[in-house]
Amino acid sequence: MAKKRSVGLAILFSIITCGIYGLYWFVCLTNDSNKLSRIKTAGGVKALLLTIVTLGIYQFYWFYMLGKKIEAYDNSSSGVVHLLLGLFGLGIISYAMAQSTVNRWVDEKKAEAKAEA
């Protein structure tokens, strides 16, 4: 099951660790969004390795697909928004927006499981 994470703490830890926690957050966010969405992309570690090997180019695709996963959830048009945030160096905002959506997904999944029990 996907895990809820505090957006504020994730941003703070990313700053304190000079981006190392951000890499972990990237992997977790990828895995959690894959678990919750109908749209599947590369797993977290694979996406991170592809980002490193392509010198960051894959991450732009990742931003776009993350936005598409969110679009599928809340019927917004956020694929391009996430891509633009990534292109302008504001990826942390994209991470925060996506984590907020994942947190809502987790809450809804827990409520559904509770209702079925």
C-alpha atoms as a PDB file:
ATOM      1  CA  MET A   1       0.000   0.000   0.000  1.00  0.00           C
ATOM      2  CA  ALA A   2       1.147   3.525  -0.712  1.00  0.00           C
ATOM      3  CA  LYS A   3       2.225   5.643   2.241  1.00  0.00           C
ATOM      4  CA  LYS A   4       1.189   9.147   3.227  1.00  0.00           C
ATOM      5  CA  ARG A   5       4.089  11.555   3.619  1.00  0.00           C
ATOM      6  CA  SER A   6       4.181  15.053   5.032  1.00  0.00           C
ATOM      7  CA  VAL A   7       4.865  17.459   2.165  1.00  0.00           C
ATOM      8  CA  GLY A   8       6.456  20.044   4.454  1.00  0.00           C
ATOM      9  CA  LEU A   9       8.793  17.544   6.100  1.00  0.00           C
ATOM     10  CA  ALA A  10       9.759  16.047   2.732  1.00  0.00           C
ATOM     11  CA  ILE A  11      10.715  19.496   1.434  1.00  0.00           C
ATOM     12  CA  LEU A  12      12.602  20.284   4.654  1.00  0.00           C
ATOM     13  CA  PHE A  13      14.498  16.970   4.576  1.00  0.00           C
ATOM     14  CA  SER A  14      15.336  17.534   0.900  1.00  0.00           C
ATOM     15  CA  ILE A  15      16.848  20.919   1.762  1.00  0.00           C
ATOM     16  CA  ILE A  16      18.693  19.687   4.874  1.00  0.00           C
ATOM     17  CA  THR A  17      20.221  16.696   3.044  1.00  0.00           C
ATOM     18  CA  CYS A  18      21.152  18.768  -0.035  1.00  0.00           C
ATOM     19  CA  GLY A  19      18.775  16.808  -2.241  1.00  0.00           C
ATOM     20  CA  ILE A  20      19.569  13.259  -1.116  1.00  0.00           C
ATOM     21  CA  TYR A  21      16.156  12.865   0.525  1.00  0.00           C
ATOM     22  CA  GLY A  22      14.701  14.286  -2.700  1.00  0.00           C
ATOM     23  CA  LEU A  23      16.056  11.253  -4.576  1.00  0.00           C
ATOM     24  CA  TYR A  24      14.398   8.937  -2.057  1.00  0.00           C
ATOM     25  CA  TRP A  25      11.183  10.953  -2.340  1.00  0.00           C
ATOM     26  CA  PHE A  26      11.376  10.653  -6.150  1.00  0.00           C
ATOM     27  CA  VAL A  27      11.599   6.842  -5.875  1.00  0.00           C
ATOM     28  CA  CYS A  28       8.779   6.607  -3.317  1.00  0.00           C
ATOM     29  CA  LEU A  29       6.531   9.003  -5.226  1.00  0.00           C
ATOM     30  CA  THR A  30       7.041   7.004  -8.417  1.00  0.00           C
ATOM     31  CA  ASN A  31       6.253   3.698  -6.716  1.00  0.00           C
ATOM     32  CA  ASP A  32       3.235   5.076  -4.831  1.00  0.00           C
ATOM     33  CA  SER A  33       1.734   6.740  -7.898  1.00  0.00           C
ATOM     34  CA  ASN A  34       2.220   3.497  -9.861  1.00  0.00           C
ATOM     35  CA  LYS A  35       0.383   1.552  -7.139  1.00  0.00           C
ATOM     36  CA  LEU A  36      -2.559   3.947  -7.045  1.00  0.00           C
ATOM     37  CA  SER A  37      -2.955   4.953 -10.689  1.00  0.00           C
ATOM     38  CA  ARG A  38      -4.234   3.052 -13.696  1.00  0.00           C
ATOM     39  CA  ILE A  39      -1.298   4.498 -15.647  1.00  0.00           C
ATOM     40  CA  LYS A  40       1.954   2.640 -14.961  1.00  0.00           C
ATOM     41  CA  THR A  41       5.479   3.885 -15.630  1.00  0.00           C
ATOM     42  CA  ALA A  42       8.935   2.615 -14.741  1.00  0.00           C
ATOM     43  CA  GLY A  43       9.416   1.726 -11.076  1.00  0.00           C
ATOM     44  CA  GLY A  44      11.089   4.179  -8.743  1.00  0.00           C
ATOM     45  CA  VAL A  45      14.659   2.850  -8.857  1.00  0.00           C
ATOM     46  CA  LYS A  46      14.487   2.279 -12.601  1.00  0.00           C
ATOM     47  CA  ALA A  47      13.162   5.815 -13.137  1.00  0.00           C
ATOM     48  CA  LEU A  48      15.967   7.231 -10.990  1.00  0.00           C
ATOM     49  CA  LEU A  49      18.600   5.264 -12.916  1.00  0.00           C
ATOM     50  CA  LEU A  50      17.093   6.377 -16.240  1.00  0.00           C
ATOM     51  CA  THR A  51      17.192   9.976 -15.023  1.00  0.00           C
ATOM     52  CA  ILE A  52      20.868   9.641 -14.087  1.00  0.00           C
ATOM     53  CA  VAL A  53      21.877   7.822 -17.292  1.00  0.00           C
ATOM     54  CA  THR A  54      20.082  10.348 -19.533  1.00  0.00           C
ATOM     55  CA  LEU A  55      21.533  13.262 -17.542  1.00  0.00           C
ATOM     56  CA  GLY A  56      18.103  14.394 -16.383  1.00  0.00           C
ATOM     57  CA  ILE A  57      16.227  14.142 -19.673  1.00  0.00           C
ATOM     58  CA  TYR A  58      14.116  11.199 -18.502  1.00  0.00           C
ATOM     59  CA  GLN A  59      12.942  13.272 -15.548  1.00  0.00           C
ATOM     60  CA  PHE A  60      11.075  15.621 -17.889  1.00  0.00           C
ATOM     61  CA  TYR A  61       9.139  12.624 -19.217  1.00  0.00           C
ATOM     62  CA  TRP A  62       8.652  11.535 -15.607  1.00  0.00           C
ATOM     63  CA  PHE A  63       7.182  14.940 -14.675  1.00  0.00           C
ATOM     64  CA  TYR A  64       4.773  14.761 -17.596  1.00  0.00           C
ATOM     65  CA  MET A  65       3.652  11.203 -16.786  1.00  0.00           C
ATOM     66  CA  LEU A  66       3.271  12.047 -13.110  1.00  0.00           C
ATOM     67  CA  GLY A  67       0.927  14.814 -14.174  1.00  0.00           C
ATOM     68  CA  LYS A  68      -0.978  12.385 -16.407  1.00  0.00           C
ATOM     69  CA  LYS A  69      -1.435  10.007 -13.452  1.00  0.00           C
ATOM     70  CA  ILE A  70      -2.864  12.891 -11.432  1.00  0.00           C
ATOM     71  CA  GLU A  71      -5.107  13.870 -14.360  1.00  0.00           C
ATOM     72  CA  ALA A  72      -6.538  10.354 -14.364  1.00  0.00           C
ATOM     73  CA  TYR A  73      -7.309  10.730 -10.657  1.00  0.00           C
ATOM     74  CA  ASP A  74      -8.873  14.166 -10.401  1.00  0.00           C
ATOM     75  CA  ASN A  75      -9.753  15.069 -14.002  1.00  0.00           C
ATOM     76  CA  SER A  76      -7.426  18.061 -14.068  1.00  0.00           C
ATOM     77  CA  SER A  77      -5.033  18.885 -16.874  1.00  0.00           C
ATOM     78  CA  SER A  78      -1.813  18.731 -14.936  1.00  0.00           C
ATOM     79  CA  GLY A  79       0.518  16.803 -17.259  1.00  0.00           C
ATOM     80  CA  VAL A  80       1.811  19.939 -18.941  1.00  0.00           C
ATOM     81  CA  VAL A  81       1.829  21.866 -15.651  1.00  0.00           C
ATOM     82  CA  HIS A  82       4.163  19.315 -14.062  1.00  0.00           C
ATOM     83  CA  LEU A  83       6.368  19.302 -17.154  1.00  0.00           C
ATOM     84  CA  LEU A  84       6.618  23.104 -17.130  1.00  0.00           C
ATOM     85  CA  LEU A  85       7.454  23.136 -13.428  1.00  0.00           C
ATOM     86  CA  GLY A  86      10.238  20.654 -14.132  1.00  0.00           C
ATOM     87  CA  LEU A  87      11.535  22.619 -17.104  1.00  0.00           C
ATOM     88  CA  PHE A  88      11.721  25.831 -15.076  1.00  0.00           C
ATOM     89  CA  GLY A  89      13.553  24.176 -12.171  1.00  0.00           C
ATOM     90  CA  LEU A  90      10.532  24.071  -9.875  1.00  0.00           C
ATOM     91  CA  GLY A  91      10.340  20.289  -9.654  1.00  0.00           C
ATOM     92  CA  ILE A  92       9.997  20.403  -5.886  1.00  0.00           C
ATOM     93  CA  ILE A  93       6.606  22.075  -6.366  1.00  0.00           C
ATOM     94  CA  SER A  94       5.609  19.271  -8.711  1.00  0.00           C
ATOM     95  CA  TYR A  95       6.710  16.723  -6.098  1.00  0.00           C
ATOM     96  CA  ALA A  96       4.655  18.532  -3.438  1.00  0.00           C
ATOM     97  CA  MET A  97       1.545  18.693  -5.634  1.00  0.00           C
ATOM     98  CA  ALA A  98       1.866  15.029  -6.526  1.00  0.00           C
ATOM     99  CA  GLN A  99       2.463  13.989  -2.904  1.00  0.00           C
ATOM    100  CA  SER A 100      -0.635  15.885  -1.861  1.00  0.00           C
ATOM    101  CA  THR A 101      -2.641  13.951  -4.447  1.00  0.00           C
ATOM    102  CA  VAL A 102      -1.091  10.633  -3.367  1.00  0.00           C
ATOM    103  CA  ASN A 103      -2.036  11.446   0.231  1.00  0.00           C
ATOM    104  CA  ARG A 104      -5.665  12.001  -0.844  1.00  0.00           C
ATOM    105  CA  TRP A 105      -5.582   8.707  -2.792  1.00  0.00           C
ATOM    106  CA  VAL A 106      -4.315   6.853   0.267  1.00  0.00           C
ATOM    107  CA  ASP A 107      -7.060   8.364   2.429  1.00  0.00           C
ATOM    108  CA  GLU A 108      -9.709   7.331  -0.111  1.00  0.00           C
ATOM    109  CA  LYS A 109      -8.324   3.791  -0.402  1.00  0.00           C
ATOM    110  CA  LYS A 110      -8.337   3.440   3.398  1.00  0.00           C
ATOM    111  CA  ALA A 111     -11.924   4.726   3.554  1.00  0.00           C
ATOM    112  CA  GLU A 112     -12.982   2.257   0.854  1.00  0.00           C
ATOM    113  CA  ALA A 113     -11.292  -0.629   2.675  1.00  0.00           C
ATOM    114  CA  LYS A 114     -12.948   0.417   5.918  1.00  0.00           C
ATOM    115  CA  ALA A 115     -16.374   0.624   4.244  1.00  0.00           C
ATOM    116  CA  GLU A 116     -15.945  -2.886   2.792  1.00  0.00           C
ATOM    117  CA  ALA A 117     -15.013  -4.365   6.173  1.00  0.00           C
END
